[in-house]
């Protein structure tokens, strides 16, 4: 997506924001151990690594746990509240992805707070925000509601101007074609 946005930045105005989605809504707070079948040599892992390499993502499979992602989603909400343009949220999403998928971090509240400082957020404020049960519950409900209203059943999913466009990894050309399609449908150069 980033490559397609870069190629089209003079053609369209973009604002990228992230909505929460819970693959496992009832994940325990501490996450769960990954089964041995989910290791780096599985066929699914090999496919993901190939796809990732094509777009510059190193899926290392270093992490041994599936995390509870609610605190990370809360941190993303906090970032969006700090910068409604979505830029800070997008930066945080990128470093959280790297921390988990490449560096193998477990994305605990402490780790998320630490990672957030790398994009200029106050780690103590992030930790306080993502530790509030009311914030966790609100983000969980938002994830449920947005999944129902958009029809999203998996990630990544891409919603452009309120329209569910596609799900799954896509190459840059697919994104550029979809940008054109969405803009032609709604008559606006803002995505």
N, C-alpha and C. Protein backbone atom coordinates (compact mmCIF):
# COMPACT_ATOMS: atom_id res chain seq x y z
N UNK A 1 0.82 -1.18 0.00
CA UNK A 1 0.00 0.00 0.00
C UNK A 1 0.87 1.26 0.00
N UNK A 2 1.92 1.27 0.84
CA UNK A 2 2.75 2.46 0.94
C UNK A 2 3.39 2.83 -0.40
N UNK A 3 3.82 1.82 -1.14
CA UNK A 3 4.44 2.09 -2.45
C UNK A 3 3.43 2.70 -3.41
N UNK A 4 2.21 2.19 -3.40
CA UNK A 4 1.17 2.73 -4.29
C UNK A 4 0.80 4.16 -3.89
N UNK A 5 0.72 4.41 -2.61
CA UNK A 5 0.43 5.77 -2.13
C UNK A 5 1.54 6.72 -2.57
N UNK A 6 2.76 6.29 -2.41
CA UNK A 6 3.91 7.13 -2.82
C UNK A 6 3.84 7.44 -4.31
N UNK A 7 3.53 6.44 -5.12
CA UNK A 7 3.44 6.65 -6.56
C UNK A 7 2.28 7.58 -6.96
N UNK A 8 1.24 7.62 -6.14
CA UNK A 8 0.04 8.40 -6.48
C UNK A 8 -0.12 9.66 -5.63
N UNK A 9 0.89 10.03 -4.88
CA UNK A 9 0.74 11.14 -3.93
C UNK A 9 0.46 12.48 -4.61
N UNK A 10 0.86 12.64 -5.86
CA UNK A 10 0.56 13.89 -6.56
C UNK A 10 -0.79 13.85 -7.28
N UNK A 11 -1.39 12.70 -7.31
CA UNK A 11 -2.67 12.51 -7.99
C UNK A 11 -3.84 12.57 -7.00
N UNK A 12 -3.64 12.00 -5.80
CA UNK A 12 -4.69 11.91 -4.79
C UNK A 12 -4.18 12.39 -3.44
N UNK A 13 -5.11 12.78 -2.58
CA UNK A 13 -4.80 13.08 -1.19
C UNK A 13 -5.13 11.84 -0.37
N UNK A 14 -4.21 11.43 0.48
CA UNK A 14 -4.41 10.22 1.28
C UNK A 14 -4.41 10.54 2.76
N UNK A 15 -5.25 9.83 3.50
CA UNK A 15 -5.19 9.81 4.95
C UNK A 15 -5.37 8.36 5.36
N UNK A 16 -4.34 7.79 5.96
CA UNK A 16 -4.38 6.39 6.37
C UNK A 16 -4.67 6.34 7.86
N UNK A 17 -5.71 5.63 8.24
CA UNK A 17 -5.97 5.35 9.65
C UNK A 17 -6.25 3.86 9.79
N UNK A 18 -6.00 3.38 10.99
CA UNK A 18 -6.14 1.96 11.28
C UNK A 18 -7.32 1.74 12.21
N UNK A 19 -8.17 0.78 11.86
CA UNK A 19 -9.28 0.38 12.72
C UNK A 19 -8.89 -0.92 13.42
N UNK A 20 -9.39 -1.10 14.64
CA UNK A 20 -9.06 -2.36 15.33
C UNK A 20 -9.81 -3.53 14.72
N UNK A 21 -9.15 -4.67 14.70
CA UNK A 21 -9.77 -5.93 14.31
C UNK A 21 -9.16 -7.00 15.19
N UNK A 22 -9.98 -7.84 15.76
CA UNK A 22 -9.50 -8.88 16.67
C UNK A 22 -9.64 -10.25 16.02
N UNK A 23 -8.50 -10.83 15.67
CA UNK A 23 -8.53 -12.18 15.09
C UNK A 23 -9.06 -13.18 16.11
N UNK A 24 -8.69 -12.96 17.36
CA UNK A 24 -9.13 -13.84 18.45
C UNK A 24 -9.68 -12.95 19.57
N UNK A 25 -10.97 -12.62 19.50
CA UNK A 25 -11.56 -11.67 20.46
C UNK A 25 -11.44 -12.09 21.92
N UNK A 26 -11.33 -13.38 22.18
CA UNK A 26 -11.26 -13.86 23.56
C UNK A 26 -9.85 -14.26 23.98
N UNK A 27 -8.86 -13.67 23.33
CA UNK A 27 -7.47 -13.97 23.66
C UNK A 27 -7.19 -13.59 25.12
N UNK A 28 -6.55 -14.48 25.88
CA UNK A 28 -6.18 -14.12 27.25
C UNK A 28 -5.26 -12.90 27.26
N UNK A 29 -5.29 -12.16 28.35
CA UNK A 29 -4.50 -10.94 28.46
C UNK A 29 -3.02 -11.17 28.17
N UNK A 30 -2.50 -12.30 28.59
CA UNK A 30 -1.08 -12.60 28.41
C UNK A 30 -0.77 -13.26 27.06
N UNK A 31 -1.79 -13.45 26.22
CA UNK A 31 -1.59 -14.12 24.94
C UNK A 31 -1.50 -15.62 25.13
N UNK A 32 -1.10 -16.33 24.09
CA UNK A 32 -0.95 -17.78 24.17
C UNK A 32 0.30 -18.20 23.40
N UNK A 33 0.87 -19.32 23.82
CA UNK A 33 2.00 -19.89 23.12
C UNK A 33 1.58 -20.31 21.71
N UNK A 34 2.46 -20.09 20.76
CA UNK A 34 2.18 -20.57 19.40
C UNK A 34 2.41 -22.07 19.35
N UNK A 35 1.56 -22.80 18.65
CA UNK A 35 1.78 -24.24 18.50
C UNK A 35 3.01 -24.50 17.63
N UNK A 36 3.62 -25.64 17.80
CA UNK A 36 4.81 -25.99 17.03
C UNK A 36 4.54 -25.96 15.53
N UNK A 37 3.31 -26.27 15.13
CA UNK A 37 2.96 -26.28 13.71
C UNK A 37 2.96 -24.89 13.09
N UNK A 38 3.09 -23.86 13.92
CA UNK A 38 3.09 -22.49 13.43
C UNK A 38 4.52 -21.95 13.30
N UNK A 39 5.48 -22.81 13.22
CA UNK A 39 6.89 -22.41 13.17
C UNK A 39 7.32 -21.86 11.83
N UNK A 40 8.57 -21.42 11.76
CA UNK A 40 9.08 -20.77 10.56
C UNK A 40 9.20 -21.69 9.34
N UNK A 41 9.12 -22.99 9.55
CA UNK A 41 9.25 -23.91 8.42
C UNK A 41 7.91 -24.40 7.88
N UNK A 42 6.80 -23.95 8.47
CA UNK A 42 5.49 -24.38 7.99
C UNK A 42 5.23 -23.77 6.61
N UNK A 43 4.31 -24.38 5.87
CA UNK A 43 4.03 -23.87 4.51
C UNK A 43 3.43 -22.46 4.58
N UNK A 44 2.58 -22.21 5.58
CA UNK A 44 2.01 -20.88 5.74
C UNK A 44 3.08 -19.83 6.03
N UNK A 45 4.04 -20.21 6.87
CA UNK A 45 5.13 -19.28 7.19
C UNK A 45 5.99 -19.00 5.96
N UNK A 46 6.27 -20.02 5.20
CA UNK A 46 7.09 -19.83 3.99
C UNK A 46 6.39 -18.90 3.00
N UNK A 47 5.07 -19.08 2.84
CA UNK A 47 4.32 -18.21 1.94
C UNK A 47 4.34 -16.77 2.44
N UNK A 48 4.10 -16.58 3.73
CA UNK A 48 4.10 -15.24 4.30
C UNK A 48 5.47 -14.58 4.16
N UNK A 49 6.51 -15.34 4.35
CA UNK A 49 7.86 -14.79 4.20
C UNK A 49 8.11 -14.32 2.77
N UNK A 50 7.66 -15.12 1.79
CA UNK A 50 7.83 -14.73 0.38
C UNK A 50 7.07 -13.45 0.08
N UNK A 51 5.82 -13.40 0.50
CA UNK A 51 4.99 -12.21 0.27
C UNK A 51 5.63 -11.01 0.96
N UNK A 52 6.08 -11.20 2.18
CA UNK A 52 6.71 -10.12 2.93
C UNK A 52 7.96 -9.60 2.26
N UNK A 53 8.78 -10.50 1.77
CA UNK A 53 10.01 -10.09 1.10
C UNK A 53 9.72 -9.19 -0.09
N UNK A 54 8.63 -9.47 -0.79
CA UNK A 54 8.28 -8.67 -1.96
C UNK A 54 7.97 -7.22 -1.61
N UNK A 55 7.56 -6.98 -0.35
CA UNK A 55 7.22 -5.61 0.06
C UNK A 55 8.12 -5.10 1.18
N UNK A 56 9.24 -5.80 1.41
CA UNK A 56 10.22 -5.32 2.38
C UNK A 56 9.91 -5.62 3.83
N UNK A 57 9.11 -6.64 4.10
CA UNK A 57 8.79 -7.02 5.48
C UNK A 57 9.47 -8.35 5.79
N UNK A 58 10.19 -8.39 6.90
CA UNK A 58 10.87 -9.61 7.33
C UNK A 58 10.03 -10.31 8.38
N UNK A 59 9.24 -11.28 7.97
CA UNK A 59 8.49 -12.09 8.92
C UNK A 59 9.44 -13.14 9.48
N UNK A 60 10.01 -12.86 10.64
CA UNK A 60 11.09 -13.70 11.19
C UNK A 60 10.60 -14.91 11.96
N UNK A 61 9.39 -14.87 12.45
CA UNK A 61 8.83 -15.93 13.30
C UNK A 61 9.64 -16.12 14.59
N UNK A 62 10.23 -15.04 15.09
CA UNK A 62 10.98 -15.10 16.35
C UNK A 62 10.04 -15.15 17.55
N UNK A 63 8.89 -14.52 17.46
CA UNK A 63 7.98 -14.50 18.60
C UNK A 63 7.38 -15.88 18.82
N UNK A 64 7.35 -16.30 20.06
CA UNK A 64 6.82 -17.62 20.40
C UNK A 64 5.38 -17.56 20.90
N UNK A 65 4.80 -16.35 20.93
CA UNK A 65 3.45 -16.17 21.45
C UNK A 65 2.56 -15.41 20.47
N UNK A 66 1.28 -15.73 20.50
CA UNK A 66 0.28 -14.88 19.87
C UNK A 66 -0.10 -13.87 20.94
N UNK A 67 0.03 -12.58 20.67
CA UNK A 67 -0.28 -11.59 21.71
C UNK A 67 -1.77 -11.26 21.76
N UNK A 68 -2.19 -10.73 22.89
CA UNK A 68 -3.48 -10.08 22.98
C UNK A 68 -3.25 -8.71 22.38
N UNK A 69 -3.90 -8.40 21.28
CA UNK A 69 -3.61 -7.16 20.55
C UNK A 69 -4.41 -5.95 21.03
N UNK A 70 -5.30 -6.14 21.99
CA UNK A 70 -6.10 -5.00 22.47
C UNK A 70 -5.24 -3.84 22.97
N UNK A 71 -4.20 -4.07 23.78
CA UNK A 71 -3.38 -2.92 24.20
C UNK A 71 -2.74 -2.19 23.01
N UNK A 72 -2.31 -2.93 21.99
CA UNK A 72 -1.72 -2.29 20.81
C UNK A 72 -2.78 -1.47 20.08
N UNK A 73 -4.00 -2.00 19.97
CA UNK A 73 -5.08 -1.23 19.34
C UNK A 73 -5.39 0.02 20.14
N UNK A 74 -5.34 -0.09 21.46
CA UNK A 74 -5.56 1.11 22.31
C UNK A 74 -4.46 2.13 22.07
N UNK A 75 -3.22 1.67 21.93
CA UNK A 75 -2.11 2.59 21.66
C UNK A 75 -2.32 3.29 20.32
N UNK A 76 -2.84 2.57 19.35
CA UNK A 76 -3.13 3.18 18.05
C UNK A 76 -4.24 4.22 18.16
N UNK A 77 -5.24 3.94 18.98
CA UNK A 77 -6.28 4.93 19.22
C UNK A 77 -5.68 6.17 19.89
N UNK A 78 -4.81 5.96 20.87
CA UNK A 78 -4.14 7.08 21.55
C UNK A 78 -3.36 7.92 20.54
N UNK A 79 -2.62 7.26 19.66
CA UNK A 79 -1.83 7.98 18.65
C UNK A 79 -2.73 8.80 17.74
N UNK A 80 -3.88 8.26 17.37
CA UNK A 80 -4.81 8.99 16.50
C UNK A 80 -5.40 10.20 17.23
N UNK A 81 -5.65 10.05 18.52
CA UNK A 81 -6.14 11.19 19.31
C UNK A 81 -5.09 12.29 19.40
N UNK A 82 -3.82 11.91 19.44
CA UNK A 82 -2.74 12.89 19.52
C UNK A 82 -2.52 13.58 18.18
N UNK A 83 -2.77 12.87 17.09
CA UNK A 83 -2.55 13.40 15.74
C UNK A 83 -3.67 12.91 14.82
N UNK A 84 -4.77 13.66 14.75
CA UNK A 84 -5.93 13.23 13.95
C UNK A 84 -5.66 13.04 12.46
N UNK A 85 -4.51 13.48 11.96
CA UNK A 85 -4.19 13.26 10.55
C UNK A 85 -3.94 11.78 10.27
N UNK A 86 -3.65 11.00 11.31
CA UNK A 86 -3.36 9.58 11.15
C UNK A 86 -1.89 9.26 10.93
N UNK A 87 -1.06 10.28 10.72
CA UNK A 87 0.36 10.01 10.45
C UNK A 87 1.05 9.33 11.63
N UNK A 88 0.82 9.85 12.83
CA UNK A 88 1.45 9.27 14.02
C UNK A 88 0.94 7.84 14.24
N UNK A 89 -0.35 7.63 14.02
CA UNK A 89 -0.92 6.29 14.17
C UNK A 89 -0.27 5.33 13.17
N UNK A 90 -0.12 5.77 11.94
CA UNK A 90 0.49 4.91 10.92
C UNK A 90 1.95 4.60 11.27
N UNK A 91 2.68 5.60 11.75
CA UNK A 91 4.06 5.37 12.18
C UNK A 91 4.10 4.34 13.31
N UNK A 92 3.19 4.50 14.28
CA UNK A 92 3.17 3.54 15.40
C UNK A 92 2.83 2.15 14.90
N UNK A 93 1.87 2.04 14.00
CA UNK A 93 1.51 0.72 13.47
C UNK A 93 2.72 0.04 12.83
N UNK A 94 3.47 0.81 12.07
CA UNK A 94 4.66 0.25 11.41
C UNK A 94 5.67 -0.28 12.42
N UNK A 95 5.96 0.48 13.47
CA UNK A 95 6.96 0.02 14.44
C UNK A 95 6.42 -1.12 15.30
N UNK A 96 5.11 -1.15 15.55
CA UNK A 96 4.53 -2.29 16.27
C UNK A 96 4.63 -3.56 15.42
N UNK A 97 4.32 -3.45 14.13
CA UNK A 97 4.47 -4.59 13.23
C UNK A 97 5.90 -5.11 13.26
N UNK A 98 6.86 -4.20 13.13
CA UNK A 98 8.27 -4.61 13.14
C UNK A 98 8.64 -5.26 14.46
N UNK A 99 8.20 -4.66 15.56
CA UNK A 99 8.54 -5.21 16.88
C UNK A 99 8.05 -6.65 17.00
N UNK A 100 6.84 -6.93 16.53
CA UNK A 100 6.29 -8.27 16.66
C UNK A 100 6.79 -9.21 15.56
N UNK A 101 6.57 -8.83 14.30
CA UNK A 101 6.82 -9.76 13.21
C UNK A 101 8.30 -9.94 12.88
N UNK A 102 9.12 -8.91 13.10
CA UNK A 102 10.53 -9.02 12.76
C UNK A 102 11.40 -9.25 14.00
N UNK A 103 11.17 -8.42 15.04
CA UNK A 103 12.02 -8.49 16.22
C UNK A 103 11.59 -9.56 17.22
N UNK A 104 10.37 -10.06 17.09
CA UNK A 104 9.90 -11.14 17.96
C UNK A 104 9.44 -10.70 19.33
N UNK A 105 9.12 -9.41 19.50
CA UNK A 105 8.64 -8.92 20.80
C UNK A 105 7.24 -9.47 21.07
N UNK A 106 6.90 -9.59 22.35
CA UNK A 106 5.60 -10.14 22.73
C UNK A 106 4.51 -9.09 22.84
N UNK A 107 4.86 -7.81 22.68
CA UNK A 107 3.92 -6.69 22.71
C UNK A 107 3.11 -6.61 24.00
N UNK A 108 3.84 -6.68 25.10
CA UNK A 108 3.23 -6.44 26.40
C UNK A 108 2.93 -4.94 26.53
N UNK A 109 2.21 -4.56 27.56
CA UNK A 109 1.92 -3.14 27.79
C UNK A 109 3.23 -2.36 27.89
N UNK A 110 4.21 -2.90 28.61
CA UNK A 110 5.50 -2.21 28.74
C UNK A 110 6.20 -2.07 27.40
N UNK A 111 6.19 -3.14 26.61
CA UNK A 111 6.85 -3.11 25.31
C UNK A 111 6.16 -2.13 24.36
N UNK A 112 4.84 -2.14 24.34
CA UNK A 112 4.10 -1.21 23.49
C UNK A 112 4.42 0.23 23.88
N UNK A 113 4.44 0.51 25.18
CA UNK A 113 4.75 1.85 25.66
C UNK A 113 6.15 2.27 25.26
N UNK A 114 7.08 1.34 25.34
CA UNK A 114 8.46 1.63 24.94
C UNK A 114 8.54 1.90 23.43
N UNK A 115 7.91 1.05 22.63
CA UNK A 115 7.93 1.20 21.18
C UNK A 115 7.29 2.54 20.78
N UNK A 116 6.26 2.95 21.49
CA UNK A 116 5.56 4.20 21.17
C UNK A 116 6.47 5.41 21.29
N UNK A 117 7.47 5.33 22.16
CA UNK A 117 8.38 6.47 22.30
C UNK A 117 9.21 6.69 21.03
N UNK A 118 9.40 5.64 20.25
CA UNK A 118 10.21 5.76 19.04
C UNK A 118 9.53 6.61 17.96
N UNK A 119 8.22 6.85 18.12
CA UNK A 119 7.51 7.72 17.17
C UNK A 119 7.12 9.04 17.82
N UNK A 120 7.72 9.32 18.97
CA UNK A 120 7.51 10.62 19.61
C UNK A 120 6.36 10.70 20.59
N UNK A 121 5.77 9.57 20.93
CA UNK A 121 4.71 9.57 21.94
C UNK A 121 5.32 9.41 23.33
N UNK A 122 4.66 9.95 24.33
CA UNK A 122 5.12 9.83 25.71
C UNK A 122 4.78 8.43 26.21
N UNK A 123 5.79 7.66 26.53
CA UNK A 123 5.60 6.27 26.95
C UNK A 123 4.73 6.12 28.18
N UNK A 124 4.88 7.02 29.14
CA UNK A 124 4.07 6.95 30.36
C UNK A 124 2.60 7.24 30.06
N UNK A 125 2.34 8.21 29.18
CA UNK A 125 0.96 8.51 28.80
C UNK A 125 0.34 7.33 28.04
N UNK A 126 1.12 6.73 27.16
CA UNK A 126 0.63 5.57 26.41
C UNK A 126 0.31 4.45 27.38
N UNK A 127 1.23 4.17 28.29
CA UNK A 127 1.03 3.08 29.26
C UNK A 127 -0.23 3.31 30.09
N UNK A 128 -0.42 4.54 30.55
CA UNK A 128 -1.61 4.86 31.33
C UNK A 128 -2.87 4.65 30.50
N UNK A 129 -2.86 5.12 29.26
CA UNK A 129 -4.04 5.02 28.39
C UNK A 129 -4.39 3.57 28.10
N UNK A 130 -3.39 2.76 27.75
CA UNK A 130 -3.67 1.38 27.34
C UNK A 130 -3.89 0.45 28.53
N UNK A 131 -3.68 0.96 29.74
CA UNK A 131 -3.92 0.18 30.94
C UNK A 131 -5.30 0.43 31.54
N UNK A 132 -6.01 1.40 30.99
CA UNK A 132 -7.35 1.74 31.49
C UNK A 132 -8.38 0.72 30.97
N UNK A 133 -9.05 -0.01 31.88
CA UNK A 133 -10.05 -0.99 31.43
C UNK A 133 -11.13 -0.37 30.53
N UNK A 134 -11.51 0.87 30.80
CA UNK A 134 -12.55 1.49 29.97
C UNK A 134 -12.07 1.68 28.53
N UNK A 135 -10.78 1.99 28.34
CA UNK A 135 -10.24 2.14 26.99
C UNK A 135 -10.16 0.79 26.29
N UNK A 136 -9.74 -0.21 27.03
CA UNK A 136 -9.67 -1.57 26.46
C UNK A 136 -11.07 -2.01 26.01
N UNK A 137 -12.06 -1.82 26.86
CA UNK A 137 -13.42 -2.25 26.53
C UNK A 137 -13.98 -1.47 25.34
N UNK A 138 -13.72 -0.16 25.29
CA UNK A 138 -14.23 0.65 24.19
C UNK A 138 -13.61 0.21 22.86
N UNK A 139 -12.31 -0.03 22.85
CA UNK A 139 -11.64 -0.46 21.63
C UNK A 139 -12.11 -1.85 21.21
N UNK A 140 -12.34 -2.72 22.17
CA UNK A 140 -12.86 -4.06 21.85
C UNK A 140 -14.24 -3.93 21.19
N UNK A 141 -15.08 -3.08 21.75
CA UNK A 141 -16.42 -2.88 21.17
C UNK A 141 -16.32 -2.24 19.79
N UNK A 142 -15.40 -1.30 19.64
CA UNK A 142 -15.20 -0.67 18.33
C UNK A 142 -14.78 -1.72 17.30
N UNK A 143 -13.91 -2.63 17.69
CA UNK A 143 -13.47 -3.69 16.77
C UNK A 143 -14.65 -4.55 16.35
N UNK A 144 -15.49 -4.91 17.29
CA UNK A 144 -16.67 -5.73 16.98
C UNK A 144 -17.61 -4.97 16.06
N UNK A 145 -17.89 -3.71 16.42
CA UNK A 145 -18.83 -2.90 15.63
C UNK A 145 -18.32 -2.63 14.22
N UNK A 146 -17.03 -2.27 14.09
CA UNK A 146 -16.52 -1.96 12.76
C UNK A 146 -16.44 -3.20 11.89
N UNK A 147 -16.16 -4.34 12.49
CA UNK A 147 -16.14 -5.59 11.73
C UNK A 147 -17.53 -5.90 11.18
N UNK A 148 -18.54 -5.71 12.01
CA UNK A 148 -19.92 -5.96 11.57
C UNK A 148 -20.35 -4.98 10.48
N UNK A 149 -20.04 -3.70 10.68
CA UNK A 149 -20.53 -2.68 9.74
C UNK A 149 -19.81 -2.70 8.40
N UNK A 150 -18.56 -3.15 8.39
CA UNK A 150 -17.79 -3.15 7.14
C UNK A 150 -17.76 -4.52 6.46
N UNK A 151 -18.09 -5.56 7.21
CA UNK A 151 -18.01 -6.90 6.65
C UNK A 151 -16.61 -7.49 6.68
N UNK A 152 -15.70 -6.86 7.40
CA UNK A 152 -14.33 -7.35 7.49
C UNK A 152 -14.32 -8.62 8.33
N UNK A 153 -13.69 -9.67 7.77
CA UNK A 153 -13.59 -10.95 8.48
C UNK A 153 -12.15 -11.40 8.66
N UNK A 154 -11.20 -10.64 8.15
CA UNK A 154 -9.79 -10.99 8.28
C UNK A 154 -8.93 -9.78 7.95
N UNK A 155 -7.66 -9.94 8.21
CA UNK A 155 -6.72 -8.84 7.96
C UNK A 155 -5.56 -9.33 7.09
N UNK A 156 -4.98 -8.42 6.32
CA UNK A 156 -5.35 -7.02 6.21
C UNK A 156 -6.61 -6.86 5.36
N UNK A 157 -7.37 -5.83 5.70
CA UNK A 157 -8.55 -5.46 4.92
C UNK A 157 -8.44 -3.96 4.65
N UNK A 158 -8.88 -3.54 3.50
CA UNK A 158 -8.70 -2.15 3.09
C UNK A 158 -10.05 -1.51 2.79
N UNK A 159 -10.32 -0.46 3.52
CA UNK A 159 -11.55 0.31 3.36
C UNK A 159 -11.14 1.67 2.83
N UNK A 160 -11.69 2.05 1.70
CA UNK A 160 -11.36 3.34 1.10
C UNK A 160 -12.62 4.17 0.98
N UNK A 161 -12.57 5.33 1.60
CA UNK A 161 -13.73 6.24 1.62
C UNK A 161 -15.00 5.52 2.07
N UNK A 162 -14.85 4.67 3.10
CA UNK A 162 -15.98 3.97 3.68
C UNK A 162 -16.41 2.73 2.94
N UNK A 163 -15.72 2.37 1.87
CA UNK A 163 -16.09 1.22 1.05
C UNK A 163 -15.05 0.11 1.25
N UNK A 164 -15.52 -1.07 1.63
CA UNK A 164 -14.64 -2.23 1.73
C UNK A 164 -14.18 -2.57 0.32
N UNK A 165 -12.87 -2.51 0.08
CA UNK A 165 -12.37 -2.72 -1.27
C UNK A 165 -11.81 -4.13 -1.48
N UNK A 166 -10.90 -4.56 -0.62
CA UNK A 166 -10.39 -5.92 -0.73
C UNK A 166 -9.70 -6.32 0.55
N UNK A 167 -9.41 -7.60 0.64
CA UNK A 167 -8.76 -8.17 1.82
C UNK A 167 -7.57 -8.99 1.34
N UNK A 168 -6.56 -9.06 2.17
CA UNK A 168 -5.37 -9.83 1.83
C UNK A 168 -4.29 -8.96 1.24
N UNK A 169 -3.09 -9.50 1.21
CA UNK A 169 -1.95 -8.77 0.67
C UNK A 169 -2.17 -8.51 -0.82
N UNK A 170 -1.87 -7.29 -1.25
CA UNK A 170 -2.05 -6.90 -2.64
C UNK A 170 -0.77 -6.21 -3.12
N UNK A 171 -0.50 -6.32 -4.41
CA UNK A 171 0.67 -5.60 -4.93
C UNK A 171 0.30 -4.14 -5.21
N UNK A 172 1.30 -3.36 -5.49
CA UNK A 172 1.13 -1.93 -5.71
C UNK A 172 0.15 -1.63 -6.85
N UNK A 173 0.20 -2.41 -7.92
CA UNK A 173 -0.69 -2.18 -9.06
C UNK A 173 -2.15 -2.36 -8.67
N UNK A 174 -2.44 -3.36 -7.84
CA UNK A 174 -3.82 -3.57 -7.39
C UNK A 174 -4.32 -2.35 -6.62
N UNK A 175 -3.46 -1.80 -5.75
CA UNK A 175 -3.85 -0.61 -5.00
C UNK A 175 -4.11 0.57 -5.93
N UNK A 176 -3.23 0.79 -6.88
CA UNK A 176 -3.40 1.93 -7.79
C UNK A 176 -4.70 1.80 -8.59
N UNK A 177 -5.00 0.60 -9.05
CA UNK A 177 -6.25 0.38 -9.76
C UNK A 177 -7.45 0.65 -8.86
N UNK A 178 -7.35 0.22 -7.60
CA UNK A 178 -8.46 0.44 -6.67
C UNK A 178 -8.61 1.92 -6.34
N UNK A 179 -7.50 2.65 -6.20
CA UNK A 179 -7.59 4.09 -5.98
C UNK A 179 -8.39 4.74 -7.11
N UNK A 180 -8.05 4.39 -8.34
CA UNK A 180 -8.76 4.96 -9.50
C UNK A 180 -10.24 4.59 -9.48
N UNK A 181 -10.54 3.34 -9.19
CA UNK A 181 -11.93 2.87 -9.15
C UNK A 181 -12.74 3.61 -8.10
N UNK A 182 -12.18 3.72 -6.89
CA UNK A 182 -12.90 4.39 -5.80
C UNK A 182 -13.11 5.87 -6.12
N UNK A 183 -12.09 6.53 -6.62
CA UNK A 183 -12.21 7.96 -6.94
C UNK A 183 -13.22 8.17 -8.06
N UNK A 184 -13.20 7.31 -9.08
CA UNK A 184 -14.16 7.44 -10.17
C UNK A 184 -15.60 7.24 -9.70
N UNK A 185 -15.78 6.36 -8.71
CA UNK A 185 -17.12 6.10 -8.17
C UNK A 185 -17.65 7.27 -7.37
N UNK A 186 -16.77 7.89 -6.56
CA UNK A 186 -17.27 8.94 -5.65
C UNK A 186 -16.97 10.35 -6.12
N UNK A 187 -16.08 10.48 -7.13
CA UNK A 187 -15.80 11.78 -7.69
C UNK A 187 -14.95 12.69 -6.82
N UNK A 188 -14.12 12.11 -5.96
CA UNK A 188 -13.25 12.90 -5.08
C UNK A 188 -11.85 12.34 -5.15
N UNK A 189 -10.86 13.24 -5.13
CA UNK A 189 -9.47 12.80 -5.17
C UNK A 189 -8.88 12.61 -3.78
N UNK A 190 -9.74 12.51 -2.77
CA UNK A 190 -9.27 12.27 -1.41
C UNK A 190 -9.59 10.84 -1.04
N UNK A 191 -8.57 10.11 -0.64
CA UNK A 191 -8.75 8.71 -0.23
C UNK A 191 -8.36 8.56 1.22
